[in-house]
């Protein structure tokens, strides 16, 4: 995973490689915990030792995209917007 730096007002792209179980948990978190990507959430930047409020990029056509990465993994890409 590439880890972006949280900068207020900036957009940051991230890609995760997930097992099928992690993918199922992420989909449930997105659907229920984030209300389909509408609700902001905290992202902890371990390099800066700070929390940032982020949400899925509202200007994107979709909250995330997913590709197969072998039979047991999925590559999930998303863009977040860092909130003030």
Protein backbone atom coordinates (compact mmCIF):
# COMPACT_ATOMS: atom_id res chain seq x y z
CA UNK A 1 0.00 0.00 0.00
CA UNK A 2 1.23 3.47 -0.77
CA UNK A 3 0.51 5.83 2.09
CA UNK A 4 -0.31 9.42 1.18
CA UNK A 5 0.35 12.43 3.34
CA UNK A 6 -2.80 14.08 4.69
CA UNK A 7 -3.00 17.69 3.55
CA UNK A 8 -6.22 19.61 4.14
CA UNK A 9 -8.08 20.28 0.90
CA UNK A 10 -6.00 17.79 -1.07
CA UNK A 11 -7.14 14.55 -2.60
CA UNK A 12 -5.18 11.40 -1.96
CA UNK A 13 -5.31 8.13 -3.82
CA UNK A 14 -4.75 4.81 -2.13
CA UNK A 15 -4.63 1.24 -3.34
CA UNK A 16 -5.04 -1.77 -1.06
CA UNK A 17 -4.58 -5.46 -1.78
CA UNK A 18 -7.21 -7.29 0.25
CA UNK A 19 -8.02 -10.90 0.93
CA UNK A 20 -11.57 -11.94 0.08
CA UNK A 21 -12.50 -11.68 3.78
CA UNK A 22 -11.02 -8.16 4.04
CA UNK A 23 -12.85 -7.20 0.83
CA UNK A 24 -16.16 -8.39 2.34
CA UNK A 25 -15.46 -6.41 5.54
CA UNK A 26 -14.60 -3.28 3.53
CA UNK A 27 -17.82 -3.51 1.50
CA UNK A 28 -19.84 -3.83 4.72
CA UNK A 29 -17.98 -0.86 6.28
CA UNK A 30 -18.62 1.22 3.14
CA UNK A 31 -22.29 0.24 2.96
CA UNK A 32 -23.23 0.52 6.65
CA UNK A 33 -20.49 2.40 8.47
CA UNK A 34 -20.04 5.09 5.82
CA UNK A 35 -23.60 5.13 4.51
CA UNK A 36 -22.45 4.39 0.98
CA UNK A 37 -19.42 6.69 1.14
CA UNK A 38 -21.29 9.77 2.40
CA UNK A 39 -20.04 9.90 6.00
CA UNK A 40 -16.50 11.20 6.65
CA UNK A 41 -14.13 9.09 8.74
CA UNK A 42 -10.79 9.46 10.51
CA UNK A 43 -7.56 8.50 8.78
CA UNK A 44 -4.45 8.20 10.96
CA UNK A 45 -1.23 9.26 9.25
CA UNK A 46 1.50 7.38 11.16
CA UNK A 47 4.26 9.48 9.59
CA UNK A 48 2.77 12.76 10.83
CA UNK A 49 1.24 11.16 13.94
CA UNK A 50 -2.07 12.95 13.23
CA UNK A 51 -5.67 12.10 12.46
CA UNK A 52 -7.38 13.63 9.42
CA UNK A 53 -11.07 13.68 8.55
CA UNK A 54 -11.46 12.23 5.09
CA UNK A 55 -14.30 11.23 2.82
CA UNK A 56 -14.50 9.59 -0.54
CA UNK A 57 -13.88 12.10 -3.32
CA UNK A 58 -17.34 13.49 -4.18
CA UNK A 59 -16.18 14.48 -7.69
CA UNK A 60 -15.21 10.89 -8.56
CA UNK A 61 -17.63 8.84 -10.62
CA UNK A 62 -17.42 6.04 -8.04
CA UNK A 63 -16.14 5.74 -4.47
CA UNK A 64 -13.75 2.91 -5.28
CA UNK A 65 -12.80 0.47 -8.00
CA UNK A 66 -11.83 -3.16 -7.61
CA UNK A 67 -9.83 -5.59 -9.73
CA UNK A 68 -9.12 -9.26 -9.24
CA UNK A 69 -5.59 -10.01 -8.16
CA UNK A 70 -5.54 -13.77 -8.34
CA UNK A 71 -8.28 -16.03 -7.01
CA UNK A 72 -7.92 -14.99 -3.35
CA UNK A 73 -7.22 -11.25 -3.47
CA UNK A 74 -8.74 -8.01 -4.74
CA UNK A 75 -6.98 -4.74 -5.52
CA UNK A 76 -9.13 -1.85 -4.31
CA UNK A 77 -8.34 1.73 -5.34
CA UNK A 78 -9.99 4.85 -4.02
CA UNK A 79 -9.49 8.60 -3.80
CA UNK A 80 -10.16 10.46 -0.58
CA UNK A 81 -10.59 14.14 0.03
CA UNK A 82 -9.00 15.54 3.19
CA UNK A 83 -11.49 17.75 5.03
CA UNK A 84 -10.62 20.95 6.93
